[in-house]
PDB file of N, CA and C in Angstrom:
ATOM      1  N   MET A   1     -37.635 -20.685 -29.829  1.00  0.00           N
ATOM      2  CA  MET A   1     -37.768 -19.274 -30.185  1.00  0.00           C
ATOM      3  C   MET A   1     -38.858 -18.766 -29.102  1.00  0.00           C
ATOM      4  N   ARG A   2     -38.493 -17.602 -28.669  1.00  0.00           N
ATOM      5  CA  ARG A   2     -39.389 -16.968 -27.913  1.00  0.00           C
ATOM      6  C   ARG A   2     -40.120 -15.910 -28.911  1.00  0.00           C
ATOM      7  N   CYS A   3     -41.615 -15.772 -28.372  1.00  0.00           N
ATOM      8  CA  CYS A   3     -42.422 -14.576 -28.816  1.00  0.00           C
ATOM      9  C   CYS A   3     -41.962 -13.203 -28.567  1.00  0.00           C
ATOM     10  N   PRO A   4     -41.505 -12.369 -29.499  1.00  0.00           N
ATOM     11  CA  PRO A   4     -41.225 -11.289 -29.333  1.00  0.00           C
ATOM     12  C   PRO A   4     -42.162 -10.431 -28.568  1.00  0.00           C
ATOM     13  N   VAL A   5     -43.330 -11.085 -28.541  1.00  0.00           N
ATOM     14  CA  VAL A   5     -44.683 -10.136 -27.945  1.00  0.00           C
ATOM     15  C   VAL A   5     -44.949 -10.367 -26.649  1.00  0.00           C
ATOM     16  N   CYS A   6     -45.086 -11.750 -26.497  1.00  0.00           N
ATOM     17  CA  CYS A   6     -45.427 -11.893 -24.938  1.00  0.00           C
ATOM     18  C   CYS A   6     -44.434 -12.928 -24.143  1.00  0.00           C
ATOM     19  N   ARG A   7     -43.310 -13.266 -25.018  1.00  0.00           N
ATOM     20  CA  ARG A   7     -42.150 -14.174 -24.493  1.00  0.00           C
ATOM     21  C   ARG A   7     -42.369 -15.650 -24.300  1.00  0.00           C
ATOM     22  N   ALA A   8     -43.694 -16.084 -24.818  1.00  0.00           N
ATOM     23  CA  ALA A   8     -43.819 -17.534 -24.486  1.00  0.00           C
ATOM     24  C   ALA A   8     -42.900 -18.282 -25.678  1.00  0.00           C
ATOM     25  N   GLN A   9     -42.415 -19.710 -25.192  1.00  0.00           N
ATOM     26  CA  GLN A   9     -41.888 -20.205 -26.162  1.00  0.00           C
ATOM     27  C   GLN A   9     -42.528 -20.997 -27.161  1.00  0.00           C
ATOM     28  N   VAL A  10     -42.066 -20.953 -28.301  1.00  0.00           N
ATOM     29  CA  VAL A  10     -42.951 -21.268 -29.593  1.00  0.00           C
ATOM     30  C   VAL A  10     -42.087 -22.174 -30.148  1.00  0.00           C
ATOM     31  N   ASP A  11     -42.650 -23.529 -30.571  1.00  0.00           N
ATOM     32  CA  ASP A  11     -41.754 -24.540 -31.073  1.00  0.00           C
ATOM     33  C   ASP A  11     -42.386 -24.438 -32.606  1.00  0.00           C
ATOM     34  N   GLU A  12     -43.702 -24.428 -32.720  1.00  0.00           N
ATOM     35  CA  GLU A  12     -44.348 -24.453 -33.954  1.00  0.00           C
ATOM     36  C   GLU A  12     -44.919 -23.256 -34.442  1.00  0.00           C
ATOM     37  N   GLY A  13     -45.097 -22.987 -35.591  1.00  0.00           N
ATOM     38  CA  GLY A  13     -45.516 -21.595 -36.156  1.00  0.00           C
ATOM     39  C   GLY A  13     -46.680 -21.753 -36.971  1.00  0.00           C
ATOM     40  N   PRO A  14     -46.886 -20.542 -37.675  1.00  0.00           N
ATOM     41  CA  PRO A  14     -46.315 -19.377 -37.818  1.00  0.00           C
ATOM     42  C   PRO A  14     -46.909 -18.327 -36.596  1.00  0.00           C
ATOM     43  N   GLN A  15     -47.834 -18.911 -35.839  1.00  0.00           N
ATOM     44  CA  GLN A  15     -48.499 -18.100 -34.679  1.00  0.00           C
ATOM     45  C   GLN A  15     -48.130 -18.585 -33.340  1.00  0.00           C
ATOM     46  N   CYS A  16     -47.940 -17.641 -32.539  1.00  0.00           N
ATOM     47  CA  CYS A  16     -47.782 -17.934 -31.196  1.00  0.00           C
ATOM     48  C   CYS A  16     -48.695 -18.528 -30.530  1.00  0.00           C
ATOM     49  N   ARG A  17     -48.590 -19.439 -29.737  1.00  0.00           N
ATOM     50  CA  ARG A  17     -49.629 -20.242 -29.151  1.00  0.00           C
ATOM     51  C   ARG A  17     -50.289 -19.685 -28.143  1.00  0.00           C
ATOM     52  N   ARG A  18     -49.762 -18.417 -27.591  1.00  0.00           N
ATOM     53  CA  ARG A  18     -50.277 -17.732 -26.175  1.00  0.00           C
ATOM     54  C   ARG A  18     -50.946 -16.321 -26.956  1.00  0.00           C
ATOM     55  N   CYS A  19     -50.501 -15.605 -27.789  1.00  0.00           N
ATOM     56  CA  CYS A  19     -51.110 -14.429 -28.025  1.00  0.00           C
ATOM     57  C   CYS A  19     -51.388 -14.213 -29.472  1.00  0.00           C
ATOM     58  N   ARG A  20     -50.927 -15.253 -30.492  1.00  0.00           N
ATOM     59  CA  ARG A  20     -51.369 -15.600 -31.639  1.00  0.00           C
ATOM     60  C   ARG A  20     -50.660 -14.473 -32.479  1.00  0.00           C
ATOM     61  N   ALA A  21     -49.469 -13.988 -32.171  1.00  0.00           N
ATOM     62  CA  ALA A  21     -48.686 -13.096 -32.902  1.00  0.00           C
ATOM     63  C   ALA A  21     -48.196 -13.720 -34.213  1.00  0.00           C
ATOM     64  N   ASP A  22     -48.265 -13.186 -35.222  1.00  0.00           N
ATOM     65  CA  ASP A  22     -47.565 -13.791 -36.645  1.00  0.00           C
ATOM     66  C   ASP A  22     -46.117 -13.808 -36.618  1.00  0.00           C
ATOM     67  N   LEU A  23     -45.524 -15.040 -36.576  1.00  0.00           N
ATOM     68  CA  LEU A  23     -44.190 -15.216 -36.354  1.00  0.00           C
ATOM     69  C   LEU A  23     -43.470 -15.591 -37.536  1.00  0.00           C
ATOM     70  N   SER A  24     -44.337 -15.716 -38.524  1.00  0.00           N
ATOM     71  CA  SER A  24     -43.849 -16.022 -39.863  1.00  0.00           C
ATOM     72  C   SER A  24     -42.526 -15.688 -40.450  1.00  0.00           C
ATOM     73  N   LEU A  25     -42.363 -14.444 -40.363  1.00  0.00           N
ATOM     74  CA  LEU A  25     -40.954 -13.948 -40.740  1.00  0.00           C
ATOM     75  C   LEU A  25     -39.736 -14.563 -39.886  1.00  0.00           C
ATOM     76  N   LEU A  26     -40.218 -14.378 -38.525  1.00  0.00           N
ATOM     77  CA  LEU A  26     -39.062 -15.200 -37.919  1.00  0.00           C
ATOM     78  C   LEU A  26     -38.776 -16.521 -38.029  1.00  0.00           C
ATOM     79  N   PHE A  27     -39.791 -17.255 -38.416  1.00  0.00           N
ATOM     80  CA  PHE A  27     -39.687 -18.690 -38.541  1.00  0.00           C
ATOM     81  C   PHE A  27     -39.024 -18.682 -40.165  1.00  0.00           C
ATOM     82  N   THR A  28     -39.089 -17.936 -40.940  1.00  0.00           N
ATOM     83  CA  THR A  28     -38.494 -17.751 -42.348  1.00  0.00           C
ATOM     84  C   THR A  28     -37.021 -17.537 -42.217  1.00  0.00           C
ATOM     85  N   LEU A  29     -36.534 -16.445 -41.418  1.00  0.00           N
ATOM     86  CA  LEU A  29     -35.201 -16.104 -40.837  1.00  0.00           C
ATOM     87  C   LEU A  29     -34.705 -17.331 -40.271  1.00  0.00           C
ATOM     88  N   GLU A  30     -35.136 -18.076 -39.345  1.00  0.00           N
ATOM     89  CA  GLU A  30     -34.664 -19.207 -38.923  1.00  0.00           C
ATOM     90  C   GLU A  30     -34.218 -20.132 -39.947  1.00  0.00           C
ATOM     91  N   GLU A  31     -34.986 -20.580 -40.933  1.00  0.00           N
ATOM     92  CA  GLU A  31     -35.233 -21.494 -41.910  1.00  0.00           C
ATOM     93  C   GLU A  31     -33.498 -21.078 -42.733  1.00  0.00           C
ATOM     94  N   GLN A  32     -33.417 -19.924 -43.012  1.00  0.00           N
ATOM     95  CA  GLN A  32     -32.431 -19.220 -43.575  1.00  0.00           C
ATOM     96  C   GLN A  32     -31.303 -19.431 -42.854  1.00  0.00           C
ATOM     97  N   ARG A  33     -31.177 -19.191 -41.690  1.00  0.00           N
ATOM     98  CA  ARG A  33     -30.184 -19.269 -41.020  1.00  0.00           C
ATOM     99  C   ARG A  33     -29.575 -20.820 -40.966  1.00  0.00           C
ATOM    100  N   THR A  34     -30.495 -21.833 -40.579  1.00  0.00           N
ATOM    101  CA  THR A  34     -30.149 -23.120 -40.768  1.00  0.00           C
ATOM    102  C   THR A  34     -29.531 -23.692 -42.208  1.00  0.00           C
ATOM    103  N   ARG A  35     -30.364 -23.160 -43.350  1.00  0.00           N
ATOM    104  CA  ARG A  35     -29.345 -23.399 -44.673  1.00  0.00           C
ATOM    105  C   ARG A  35     -28.017 -22.803 -44.639  1.00  0.00           C
ATOM    106  N   ALA A  36     -27.791 -21.616 -44.379  1.00  0.00           N
ATOM    107  CA  ALA A  36     -26.594 -20.983 -44.121  1.00  0.00           C
ATOM    108  C   ALA A  36     -25.558 -22.104 -43.277  1.00  0.00           C
ATOM    109  N   LEU A  37     -25.791 -22.295 -42.301  1.00  0.00           N
ATOM    110  CA  LEU A  37     -24.743 -23.184 -41.504  1.00  0.00           C
ATOM    111  C   LEU A  37     -24.790 -24.422 -42.173  1.00  0.00           C
ATOM    112  N   ALA A  38     -25.681 -24.973 -43.049  1.00  0.00           N
ATOM    113  CA  ALA A  38     -25.354 -26.098 -44.051  1.00  0.00           C
ATOM    114  C   ALA A  38     -24.677 -25.721 -44.945  1.00  0.00           C
ATOM    115  N   VAL A  39     -24.584 -24.672 -45.764  1.00  0.00           N
ATOM    116  CA  VAL A  39     -23.530 -24.301 -46.692  1.00  0.00           C
ATOM    117  C   VAL A  39     -22.354 -24.044 -45.950  1.00  0.00           C
ATOM    118  N   ALA A  40     -22.103 -23.361 -44.739  1.00  0.00           N
ATOM    119  CA  ALA A  40     -20.681 -23.407 -44.280  1.00  0.00           C
ATOM    120  C   ALA A  40     -20.362 -24.702 -43.665  1.00  0.00           C
ATOM    121  N   TYR A  41     -20.974 -25.567 -43.499  1.00  0.00           N
ATOM    122  CA  TYR A  41     -20.343 -26.950 -43.183  1.00  0.00           C
ATOM    123  C   TYR A  41     -19.749 -27.375 -44.555  1.00  0.00           C
ATOM    124  N   GLN A  42     -20.649 -27.297 -45.436  1.00  0.00           N
ATOM    125  CA  GLN A  42     -20.279 -27.547 -46.781  1.00  0.00           C
ATOM    126  C   GLN A  42     -18.764 -27.066 -47.468  1.00  0.00           C
ATOM    127  N   SER A  43     -18.743 -25.964 -46.886  1.00  0.00           N
ATOM    128  CA  SER A  43     -17.396 -25.276 -47.435  1.00  0.00           C
ATOM    129  C   SER A  43     -16.433 -25.723 -46.570  1.00  0.00           C
ATOM    130  N   MET A  44     -16.762 -26.003 -45.454  1.00  0.00           N
ATOM    131  CA  MET A  44     -15.408 -26.560 -44.315  1.00  0.00           C
ATOM    132  C   MET A  44     -15.176 -27.876 -44.947  1.00  0.00           C
ATOM    133  N   ARG A  45     -16.034 -28.790 -45.135  1.00  0.00           N
ATOM    134  CA  ARG A  45     -15.467 -30.270 -46.006  1.00  0.00           C
ATOM    135  C   ARG A  45     -14.859 -29.934 -47.189  1.00  0.00           C
ATOM    136  N   ARG A  46     -15.091 -28.763 -48.132  1.00  0.00           N
ATOM    137  CA  ARG A  46     -14.385 -28.482 -49.349  1.00  0.00           C
ATOM    138  C   ARG A  46     -13.008 -27.477 -49.170  1.00  0.00           C
ATOM    139  N   GLY A  47     -12.773 -27.291 -47.878  1.00  0.00           N
ATOM    140  CA  GLY A  47     -11.455 -26.649 -47.760  1.00  0.00           C
ATOM    141  C   GLY A  47     -11.414 -25.113 -47.717  1.00  0.00           C
ATOM    142  N   ARG A  48     -12.626 -24.629 -48.033  1.00  0.00           N
ATOM    143  CA  ARG A  48     -12.853 -23.192 -48.354  1.00  0.00           C
ATOM    144  C   ARG A  48     -13.041 -22.556 -46.915  1.00  0.00           C
ATOM    145  N   LEU A  49     -12.321 -22.465 -45.954  1.00  0.00           N
ATOM    146  CA  LEU A  49     -12.290 -21.972 -44.629  1.00  0.00           C
ATOM    147  C   LEU A  49     -12.594 -20.552 -44.397  1.00  0.00           C
ATOM    148  N   SER A  50     -12.374 -19.863 -45.236  1.00  0.00           N
ATOM    149  CA  SER A  50     -12.478 -18.251 -45.332  1.00  0.00           C
ATOM    150  C   SER A  50     -13.994 -18.073 -45.656  1.00  0.00           C
ATOM    151  N   GLN A  51     -14.422 -18.843 -46.824  1.00  0.00           N
ATOM    152  CA  GLN A  51     -15.933 -18.517 -46.981  1.00  0.00           C
ATOM    153  C   GLN A  51     -16.611 -19.212 -46.002  1.00  0.00           C
ATOM    154  N   ALA A  52     -16.387 -20.131 -45.310  1.00  0.00           N
ATOM    155  CA  ALA A  52     -16.883 -20.902 -44.242  1.00  0.00           C
ATOM    156  C   ALA A  52     -17.271 -19.884 -43.078  1.00  0.00           C
ATOM    157  N   LEU A  53     -16.062 -19.035 -42.776  1.00  0.00           N
ATOM    158  CA  LEU A  53     -16.176 -18.311 -41.625  1.00  0.00           C
ATOM    159  C   LEU A  53     -16.888 -16.958 -41.924  1.00  0.00           C
ATOM    160  N   ALA A  54     -16.833 -16.685 -42.996  1.00  0.00           N
ATOM    161  CA  ALA A  54     -17.571 -15.508 -43.493  1.00  0.00           C
ATOM    162  C   ALA A  54     -19.265 -15.761 -43.251  1.00  0.00           C
ATOM    163  N   ILE A  55     -19.588 -16.980 -43.557  1.00  0.00           N
ATOM    164  CA  ILE A  55     -20.965 -17.421 -43.768  1.00  0.00           C
ATOM    165  C   ILE A  55     -21.529 -17.515 -42.196  1.00  0.00           C
ATOM    166  N   VAL A  56     -20.475 -18.118 -41.492  1.00  0.00           N
ATOM    167  CA  VAL A  56     -20.689 -18.271 -39.907  1.00  0.00           C
ATOM    168  C   VAL A  56     -20.859 -16.979 -38.877  1.00  0.00           C
ATOM    169  N   GLU A  57     -19.832 -16.249 -39.377  1.00  0.00           N
ATOM    170  CA  GLU A  57     -19.969 -14.781 -38.852  1.00  0.00           C
ATOM    171  C   GLU A  57     -21.406 -13.999 -39.168  1.00  0.00           C
ATOM    172  N   GLY A  58     -21.768 -14.190 -40.313  1.00  0.00           N
ATOM    173  CA  GLY A  58     -23.219 -13.632 -40.679  1.00  0.00           C
ATOM    174  C   GLY A  58     -24.355 -14.349 -39.664  1.00  0.00           C
ATOM    175  N   VAL A  59     -24.125 -15.783 -39.859  1.00  0.00           N
ATOM    176  CA  VAL A  59     -25.203 -16.485 -39.181  1.00  0.00           C
ATOM    177  C   VAL A  59     -25.113 -15.898 -37.490  1.00  0.00           C
ATOM    178  N   ASP A  60     -24.002 -15.926 -37.073  1.00  0.00           N
ATOM    179  CA  ASP A  60     -23.743 -15.516 -35.582  1.00  0.00           C
ATOM    180  C   ASP A  60     -24.238 -14.081 -35.265  1.00  0.00           C
ATOM    181  N   ALA A  61     -24.105 -13.357 -36.385  1.00  0.00           N
ATOM    182  CA  ALA A  61     -24.717 -11.822 -36.153  1.00  0.00           C
ATOM    183  C   ALA A  61     -26.151 -11.975 -36.258  1.00  0.00           C
ATOM    184  N   LEU A  62     -26.848 -12.829 -36.725  1.00  0.00           N
ATOM    185  CA  LEU A  62     -28.451 -12.737 -36.965  1.00  0.00           C
ATOM    186  C   LEU A  62     -28.773 -13.475 -35.305  1.00  0.00           C
ATOM    187  N   ARG A  63     -28.113 -14.430 -35.117  1.00  0.00           N
ATOM    188  CA  ARG A  63     -28.535 -15.063 -33.798  1.00  0.00           C
ATOM    189  C   ARG A  63     -27.523 -15.882 -33.409  1.00  0.00           C
ATOM    190  N   SER A  64     -26.724 -15.172 -32.026  1.00  0.00           N
ATOM    191  CA  SER A  64     -25.828 -15.919 -31.928  1.00  0.00           C
ATOM    192  C   SER A  64     -26.256 -17.287 -30.856  1.00  0.00           C
ATOM    193  N   ASP A  65     -25.655 -18.467 -30.875  1.00  0.00           N
ATOM    194  CA  ASP A  65     -25.896 -19.589 -30.289  1.00  0.00           C
ATOM    195  C   ASP A  65     -24.822 -20.498 -30.056  1.00  0.00           C
ATOM    196  N   ASP A  66     -24.577 -21.533 -29.316  1.00  0.00           N
ATOM    197  CA  ASP A  66     -23.472 -22.333 -29.307  1.00  0.00           C
ATOM    198  C   ASP A  66     -23.099 -22.896 -30.488  1.00  0.00           C
ATOM    199  N   GLU A  67     -24.108 -23.420 -31.310  1.00  0.00           N
ATOM    200  CA  GLU A  67     -23.643 -23.942 -32.656  1.00  0.00           C
ATOM    201  C   GLU A  67     -22.442 -22.842 -33.288  1.00  0.00           C
ATOM    202  N   SER A  68     -22.966 -21.650 -33.533  1.00  0.00           N
ATOM    203  CA  SER A  68     -22.345 -20.791 -34.390  1.00  0.00           C
ATOM    204  C   SER A  68     -20.673 -20.555 -33.503  1.00  0.00           C
ATOM    205  N   LYS A  69     -20.764 -20.322 -32.460  1.00  0.00           N
ATOM    206  CA  LYS A  69     -19.709 -20.077 -31.593  1.00  0.00           C
ATOM    207  C   LYS A  69     -18.774 -21.382 -31.785  1.00  0.00           C
ATOM    208  N   ARG A  70     -19.209 -22.307 -31.543  1.00  0.00           N
ATOM    209  CA  ARG A  70     -18.345 -23.434 -31.876  1.00  0.00           C
ATOM    210  C   ARG A  70     -17.774 -23.704 -33.220  1.00  0.00           C
ATOM    211  N   LEU A  71     -18.524 -23.377 -34.192  1.00  0.00           N
ATOM    212  CA  LEU A  71     -18.173 -23.521 -35.549  1.00  0.00           C
ATOM    213  C   LEU A  71     -17.232 -22.449 -35.896  1.00  0.00           C
ATOM    214  N   GLN A  72     -17.404 -21.021 -35.364  1.00  0.00           N
ATOM    215  CA  GLN A  72     -16.320 -20.162 -35.622  1.00  0.00           C
ATOM    216  C   GLN A  72     -14.978 -20.563 -34.931  1.00  0.00           C
ATOM    217  N   ALA A  73     -14.976 -21.135 -33.644  1.00  0.00           N
ATOM    218  CA  ALA A  73     -13.804 -21.431 -32.986  1.00  0.00           C
ATOM    219  C   ALA A  73     -13.147 -22.799 -33.920  1.00  0.00           C
ATOM    220  N   LEU A  74     -13.951 -23.588 -34.316  1.00  0.00           N
ATOM    221  CA  LEU A  74     -13.431 -24.608 -35.130  1.00  0.00           C
ATOM    222  C   LEU A  74     -12.466 -24.333 -36.444  1.00  0.00           C
ATOM    223  N   ILE A  75     -13.293 -23.440 -36.929  1.00  0.00           N
ATOM    224  CA  ILE A  75     -12.712 -22.968 -38.270  1.00  0.00           C
ATOM    225  C   ILE A  75     -11.440 -22.159 -37.831  1.00  0.00           C
ATOM    226  N   HIS A  76     -11.137 -21.166 -36.963  1.00  0.00           N
ATOM    227  CA  HIS A  76     -10.362 -20.551 -36.644  1.00  0.00           C
ATOM    228  C   HIS A  76      -9.063 -21.538 -36.169  1.00  0.00           C
ATOM    229  N   LEU A  77      -9.572 -22.509 -35.414  1.00  0.00           N
ATOM    230  CA  LEU A  77      -8.550 -23.644 -35.144  1.00  0.00           C
ATOM    231  C   LEU A  77      -7.913 -24.227 -36.372  1.00  0.00           C
ATOM    232  N   LEU A  78      -8.766 -24.530 -37.479  1.00  0.00           N
ATOM    233  CA  LEU A  78      -8.277 -25.097 -38.527  1.00  0.00           C
ATOM    234  C   LEU A  78      -7.656 -24.111 -39.478  1.00  0.00           C
ATOM    235  N   GLN A  79      -7.626 -22.718 -39.402  1.00  0.00           N
ATOM    236  CA  GLN A  79      -6.881 -21.802 -39.994  1.00  0.00           C
ATOM    237  C   GLN A  79      -5.314 -21.431 -39.162  1.00  0.00           C
ATOM    238  N   ARG A  80      -5.318 -22.168 -37.796  1.00  0.00           N
ATOM    239  CA  ARG A  80      -4.403 -22.216 -37.219  1.00  0.00           C
ATOM    240  C   ARG A  80      -4.022 -20.849 -36.537  1.00  0.00           C
ATOM    241  N   ASP A  81      -5.197 -20.086 -36.513  1.00  0.00           N
ATOM    242  CA  ASP A  81      -5.234 -18.742 -35.809  1.00  0.00           C
ATOM    243  C   ASP A  81      -5.882 -19.035 -34.211  1.00  0.00           C
ATOM    244  N   PHE A  82      -5.032 -19.730 -33.357  1.00  0.00           N
ATOM    245  CA  PHE A  82      -5.442 -20.346 -32.038  1.00  0.00           C
ATOM    246  C   PHE A  82      -5.770 -19.185 -31.088  1.00  0.00           C
ATOM    247  N   ASP A  83      -5.397 -18.018 -31.053  1.00  0.00           N
ATOM    248  CA  ASP A  83      -6.127 -17.079 -30.282  1.00  0.00           C
ATOM    249  C   ASP A  83      -7.509 -16.783 -30.481  1.00  0.00           C
ATOM    250  N   ARG A  84      -7.779 -16.396 -31.669  1.00  0.00           N
ATOM    251  CA  ARG A  84      -9.244 -16.412 -31.966  1.00  0.00           C
ATOM    252  C   ARG A  84     -10.000 -17.344 -31.676  1.00  0.00           C
ATOM    253  N   ALA A  85      -9.354 -18.748 -31.969  1.00  0.00           N
ATOM    254  CA  ALA A  85     -10.123 -20.104 -31.647  1.00  0.00           C
ATOM    255  C   ALA A  85     -10.377 -20.093 -30.094  1.00  0.00           C
ATOM    256  N   TRP A  86      -9.684 -19.706 -29.386  1.00  0.00           N
ATOM    257  CA  TRP A  86      -9.775 -19.840 -27.748  1.00  0.00           C
ATOM    258  C   TRP A  86     -10.641 -18.894 -27.414  1.00  0.00           C
ATOM    259  N   GLN A  87     -10.809 -17.460 -28.151  1.00  0.00           N
ATOM    260  CA  GLN A  87     -11.665 -16.486 -27.808  1.00  0.00           C
ATOM    261  C   GLN A  87     -13.177 -17.113 -28.172  1.00  0.00           C
ATOM    262  N   GLY A  88     -13.179 -17.726 -29.263  1.00  0.00           N
ATOM    263  CA  GLY A  88     -14.594 -18.146 -29.772  1.00  0.00           C
ATOM    264  C   GLY A  88     -14.934 -19.223 -28.614  1.00  0.00           C
ATOM    265  N   TYR A  89     -13.977 -20.299 -28.289  1.00  0.00           N
ATOM    266  CA  TYR A  89     -14.370 -21.155 -27.680  1.00  0.00           C
ATOM    267  C   TYR A  89     -15.027 -20.705 -26.323  1.00  0.00           C
ATOM    268  N   ALA A  90     -14.076 -19.835 -25.634  1.00  0.00           N
ATOM    269  CA  ALA A  90     -14.280 -19.283 -24.531  1.00  0.00           C
ATOM    270  C   ALA A  90     -15.791 -18.394 -24.573  1.00  0.00           C
ATOM    271  N   ALA A  91     -16.389 -17.814 -25.841  1.00  0.00           N
ATOM    272  CA  ALA A  91     -17.487 -17.106 -25.942  1.00  0.00           C
ATOM    273  C   ALA A  91     -18.644 -18.062 -25.741  1.00  0.00           C
ATOM    274  N   GLY A  92     -18.290 -19.428 -26.309  1.00  0.00           N
ATOM    275  CA  GLY A  92     -18.956 -20.264 -26.433  1.00  0.00           C
ATOM    276  C   GLY A  92     -19.573 -20.952 -25.035  1.00  0.00           C
ATOM    277  N   LEU A  93     -18.388 -21.333 -24.254  1.00  0.00           N
ATOM    278  CA  LEU A  93     -18.665 -21.527 -22.734  1.00  0.00           C
ATOM    279  C   LEU A  93     -19.513 -20.377 -21.915  1.00  0.00           C
ATOM    280  N   GLN A  94     -19.048 -19.152 -22.165  1.00  0.00           N
ATOM    281  CA  GLN A  94     -19.892 -18.060 -21.385  1.00  0.00           C
ATOM    282  C   GLN A  94     -21.138 -18.410 -21.591  1.00  0.00           C
ATOM    283  N   SER A  95     -21.771 -18.164 -23.243  1.00  0.00           N
ATOM    284  CA  SER A  95     -22.964 -18.166 -23.479  1.00  0.00           C
ATOM    285  C   SER A  95     -23.701 -19.413 -22.955  1.00  0.00           C
ATOM    286  N   CYS A  96     -23.005 -20.334 -22.876  1.00  0.00           N
ATOM    287  CA  CYS A  96     -23.552 -22.007 -22.460  1.00  0.00           C
ATOM    288  C   CYS A  96     -23.761 -21.548 -20.959  1.00  0.00           C
ATOM    289  N   ASN A  97     -23.012 -21.095 -20.276  1.00  0.00           N
ATOM    290  CA  ASN A  97     -23.161 -20.965 -18.810  1.00  0.00           C
ATOM    291  C   ASN A  97     -24.311 -19.889 -18.702  1.00  0.00           C
ATOM    292  N   GLN A  98     -24.399 -18.723 -19.162  1.00  0.00           N
ATOM    293  CA  GLN A  98     -25.250 -17.787 -19.101  1.00  0.00           C
ATOM    294  C   GLN A  98     -26.716 -18.298 -19.632  1.00  0.00           C
ATOM    295  N   SER A  99     -26.760 -19.230 -20.621  1.00  0.00           N
ATOM    296  CA  SER A  99     -28.173 -19.835 -20.786  1.00  0.00           C
ATOM    297  C   SER A  99     -28.794 -20.597 -19.820  1.00  0.00           C
ATOM    298  N   GLU A 100     -28.049 -21.224 -18.860  1.00  0.00           N
ATOM    299  CA  GLU A 100     -28.195 -22.330 -17.986  1.00  0.00           C
ATOM    300  C   GLU A 100     -28.820 -21.468 -16.804  1.00  0.00           C
ATOM    301  N   THR A 101     -28.314 -20.274 -16.520  1.00  0.00           N
ATOM    302  CA  THR A 101     -28.847 -19.352 -15.527  1.00  0.00           C
ATOM    303  C   THR A 101     -30.145 -18.742 -15.601  1.00  0.00           C
ATOM    304  N   ASP A 102     -30.485 -18.669 -16.926  1.00  0.00           N
ATOM    305  CA  ASP A 102     -31.565 -17.849 -17.316  1.00  0.00           C
ATOM    306  C   ASP A 102     -32.943 -18.479 -17.209  1.00  0.00           C
TER     307      ASP A 102
END
């Protein structure tokens, strides 16, 4: 996570190591996001693909990353929605390539 105040990389919280900004809300949000992803994986295992997709789309709206993009693509693939699966896969590749250049 990057501090929104000074842009320092922050791996432990709840304060930024550089500027001492309070990041507790961001850490709480990240924990909720992680729990939501776990619920999405559970929903997939139970065959509830529509529910899993809704959760993952919400997670991706909070913070888009490779995991959320790949999971969206996988769910679309399992739903036999091949066009959207390919779009999600391509978006994941694009974000991966972009993060390598940053």
